[in-house]
């Protein structure tokens, strides 16, 4: 799942989240759990995090 798509899903969700979501911020565990467990219903891989905030274990896209 693309990072941007994940942020849009989280922002439009009716679920009350402890940490606010906006594009460019690092997603928290609660965000990833919601996406995997409640939205998709299976494990997911988040891709194309913004380069400055990307987690080391996630795939980065080069924008050259």
N, C-alpha and C. Protein backbone atom coordinates (compact mmCIF):
# COMPACT_ATOMS: atom_id res chain seq x y z
N UNK A 1 0.85 -1.17 0.00
CA UNK A 1 0.00 0.00 0.00
C UNK A 1 0.90 1.24 0.00
N UNK A 2 0.54 2.19 -0.81
CA UNK A 2 1.29 3.44 -0.88
C UNK A 2 1.07 4.27 0.39
N UNK A 3 2.11 4.94 0.85
CA UNK A 3 2.04 5.79 2.03
C UNK A 3 0.91 6.81 1.89
N UNK A 4 0.81 7.48 0.75
CA UNK A 4 -0.22 8.50 0.53
C UNK A 4 -1.61 7.91 0.65
N UNK A 5 -1.83 6.73 0.10
CA UNK A 5 -3.12 6.06 0.21
C UNK A 5 -3.44 5.75 1.67
N UNK A 6 -2.44 5.27 2.41
CA UNK A 6 -2.63 4.95 3.82
C UNK A 6 -3.04 6.18 4.62
N UNK A 7 -2.39 7.31 4.36
CA UNK A 7 -2.72 8.55 5.06
C UNK A 7 -4.15 8.96 4.76
N UNK A 8 -4.57 8.86 3.50
CA UNK A 8 -5.94 9.22 3.12
C UNK A 8 -6.96 8.33 3.82
N UNK A 9 -6.67 7.04 3.88
CA UNK A 9 -7.56 6.09 4.56
C UNK A 9 -7.68 6.45 6.04
N UNK A 10 -6.55 6.69 6.67
CA UNK A 10 -6.55 7.02 8.09
C UNK A 10 -7.28 8.33 8.37
N UNK A 11 -7.08 9.33 7.51
CA UNK A 11 -7.73 10.62 7.70
C UNK A 11 -9.24 10.52 7.53
N UNK A 12 -9.70 9.65 6.66
CA UNK A 12 -11.14 9.53 6.42
C UNK A 12 -11.81 8.52 7.36
N UNK A 13 -11.00 7.84 8.16
CA UNK A 13 -11.53 6.84 9.09
C UNK A 13 -12.31 7.50 10.22
N UNK A 14 -13.34 6.82 10.69
CA UNK A 14 -14.12 7.29 11.84
C UNK A 14 -13.48 6.85 13.15
N UNK A 15 -12.42 6.05 13.07
CA UNK A 15 -11.75 5.52 14.26
C UNK A 15 -11.03 6.65 15.00
N UNK A 16 -11.22 6.69 16.31
CA UNK A 16 -10.53 7.68 17.13
C UNK A 16 -9.09 7.21 17.33
N UNK A 17 -8.14 8.00 16.88
CA UNK A 17 -6.73 7.65 16.97
C UNK A 17 -6.04 8.55 17.99
N UNK A 18 -5.13 7.98 18.75
CA UNK A 18 -4.39 8.75 19.75
C UNK A 18 -3.47 9.77 19.09
N UNK A 19 -2.85 9.38 17.98
CA UNK A 19 -1.90 10.25 17.29
C UNK A 19 -2.52 10.77 16.00
N UNK A 20 -2.49 12.08 15.77
CA UNK A 20 -3.06 12.63 14.53
C UNK A 20 -2.25 12.19 13.31
N UNK A 21 -2.91 12.17 12.17
CA UNK A 21 -2.28 11.74 10.93
C UNK A 21 -2.29 12.90 9.94
N UNK A 22 -1.14 13.18 9.36
CA UNK A 22 -1.05 14.14 8.27
C UNK A 22 0.06 13.68 7.35
N UNK A 23 -0.02 14.08 6.07
CA UNK A 23 0.97 13.64 5.10
C UNK A 23 2.33 14.18 5.51
N UNK A 24 3.33 13.32 5.49
CA UNK A 24 4.70 13.70 5.82
C UNK A 24 5.12 13.27 7.21
N UNK A 25 4.14 12.86 8.04
CA UNK A 25 4.50 12.39 9.38
C UNK A 25 4.73 10.89 9.34
N UNK A 26 5.49 10.42 10.31
CA UNK A 26 5.75 9.00 10.44
C UNK A 26 4.51 8.34 11.02
N UNK A 27 4.05 7.25 10.43
CA UNK A 27 2.88 6.56 10.95
C UNK A 27 3.24 5.81 12.23
N UNK A 28 2.33 5.79 13.17
CA UNK A 28 2.52 5.14 14.45
C UNK A 28 2.02 3.69 14.38
N UNK A 29 2.35 2.91 15.39
CA UNK A 29 1.91 1.51 15.44
C UNK A 29 0.39 1.40 15.36
N UNK A 30 -0.32 2.31 16.03
CA UNK A 30 -1.79 2.25 16.00
C UNK A 30 -2.32 2.45 14.58
N UNK A 31 -1.64 3.27 13.79
CA UNK A 31 -2.05 3.51 12.40
C UNK A 31 -1.84 2.25 11.57
N UNK A 32 -0.66 1.65 11.71
CA UNK A 32 -0.34 0.45 10.95
C UNK A 32 -1.25 -0.71 11.35
N UNK A 33 -1.55 -0.84 12.64
CA UNK A 33 -2.46 -1.90 13.11
C UNK A 33 -3.86 -1.69 12.54
N UNK A 34 -4.35 -0.47 12.55
CA UNK A 34 -5.68 -0.20 12.00
C UNK A 34 -5.74 -0.59 10.53
N UNK A 35 -4.73 -0.17 9.77
CA UNK A 35 -4.71 -0.48 8.33
C UNK A 35 -4.70 -1.98 8.09
N UNK A 36 -3.82 -2.69 8.79
CA UNK A 36 -3.66 -4.14 8.57
C UNK A 36 -4.82 -4.95 9.13
N UNK A 37 -5.23 -4.64 10.35
CA UNK A 37 -6.22 -5.48 11.03
C UNK A 37 -7.66 -5.11 10.70
N UNK A 38 -7.95 -3.82 10.60
CA UNK A 38 -9.34 -3.41 10.42
C UNK A 38 -9.69 -3.01 8.99
N UNK A 39 -8.77 -2.36 8.29
CA UNK A 39 -9.10 -1.89 6.94
C UNK A 39 -8.87 -2.97 5.89
N UNK A 40 -7.70 -3.58 5.90
CA UNK A 40 -7.35 -4.57 4.87
C UNK A 40 -7.66 -5.99 5.34
N UNK A 41 -7.43 -6.27 6.61
CA UNK A 41 -7.70 -7.59 7.14
C UNK A 41 -6.58 -8.60 6.95
N UNK A 42 -5.40 -8.11 6.64
CA UNK A 42 -4.22 -8.98 6.49
C UNK A 42 -2.98 -8.10 6.59
N UNK A 43 -1.80 -8.71 6.73
CA UNK A 43 -0.57 -7.91 6.81
C UNK A 43 -0.38 -7.06 5.55
N UNK A 44 0.21 -5.90 5.73
CA UNK A 44 0.47 -5.00 4.60
C UNK A 44 1.91 -4.52 4.64
N UNK A 45 2.35 -4.03 3.51
CA UNK A 45 3.65 -3.37 3.41
C UNK A 45 3.37 -1.96 2.94
N UNK A 46 3.87 -0.99 3.71
CA UNK A 46 3.72 0.41 3.32
C UNK A 46 4.94 0.81 2.51
N UNK A 47 4.71 1.40 1.34
CA UNK A 47 5.80 1.78 0.44
C UNK A 47 5.77 3.27 0.18
N UNK A 48 6.90 3.77 -0.23
CA UNK A 48 7.04 5.15 -0.69
C UNK A 48 6.74 6.18 0.39
N UNK A 49 7.28 5.91 1.59
CA UNK A 49 7.25 6.92 2.65
C UNK A 49 7.98 8.15 2.14
N UNK A 50 7.61 9.33 2.62
CA UNK A 50 8.43 10.51 2.28
C UNK A 50 9.86 10.25 2.75
N UNK A 51 10.81 10.56 1.93
CA UNK A 51 12.20 10.18 2.19
C UNK A 51 12.72 10.66 3.54
N UNK A 52 12.39 11.85 3.96
CA UNK A 52 12.93 12.39 5.21
C UNK A 52 12.37 11.69 6.44
N UNK A 53 11.20 11.04 6.34
CA UNK A 53 10.60 10.39 7.49
C UNK A 53 10.52 8.88 7.36
N UNK A 54 11.00 8.33 6.26
CA UNK A 54 10.83 6.90 6.01
C UNK A 54 11.52 6.04 7.06
N UNK A 55 10.90 4.94 7.37
CA UNK A 55 11.49 3.98 8.30
C UNK A 55 12.51 3.14 7.55
N UNK A 56 13.54 2.72 8.24
CA UNK A 56 14.63 1.98 7.60
C UNK A 56 14.16 0.68 6.96
N UNK A 57 13.14 0.04 7.53
CA UNK A 57 12.71 -1.26 7.01
C UNK A 57 11.71 -1.14 5.87
N UNK A 58 11.39 0.07 5.47
CA UNK A 58 10.42 0.25 4.39
C UNK A 58 11.14 0.63 3.10
N UNK A 59 10.54 0.28 2.01
CA UNK A 59 11.09 0.57 0.70
C UNK A 59 10.94 2.05 0.39
N UNK A 60 11.98 2.69 -0.12
CA UNK A 60 11.93 4.10 -0.51
C UNK A 60 11.92 4.20 -2.03
N UNK A 61 11.22 5.17 -2.52
CA UNK A 61 11.21 5.43 -3.95
C UNK A 61 12.11 6.62 -4.22
N UNK A 62 12.93 6.52 -5.22
CA UNK A 62 13.79 7.63 -5.60
C UNK A 62 13.03 8.54 -6.54
N UNK A 63 13.10 9.83 -6.28
CA UNK A 63 12.39 10.81 -7.10
C UNK A 63 13.36 11.62 -7.94
N UNK A 64 14.15 10.95 -8.75
CA UNK A 64 15.13 11.63 -9.59
C UNK A 64 14.55 11.89 -10.95
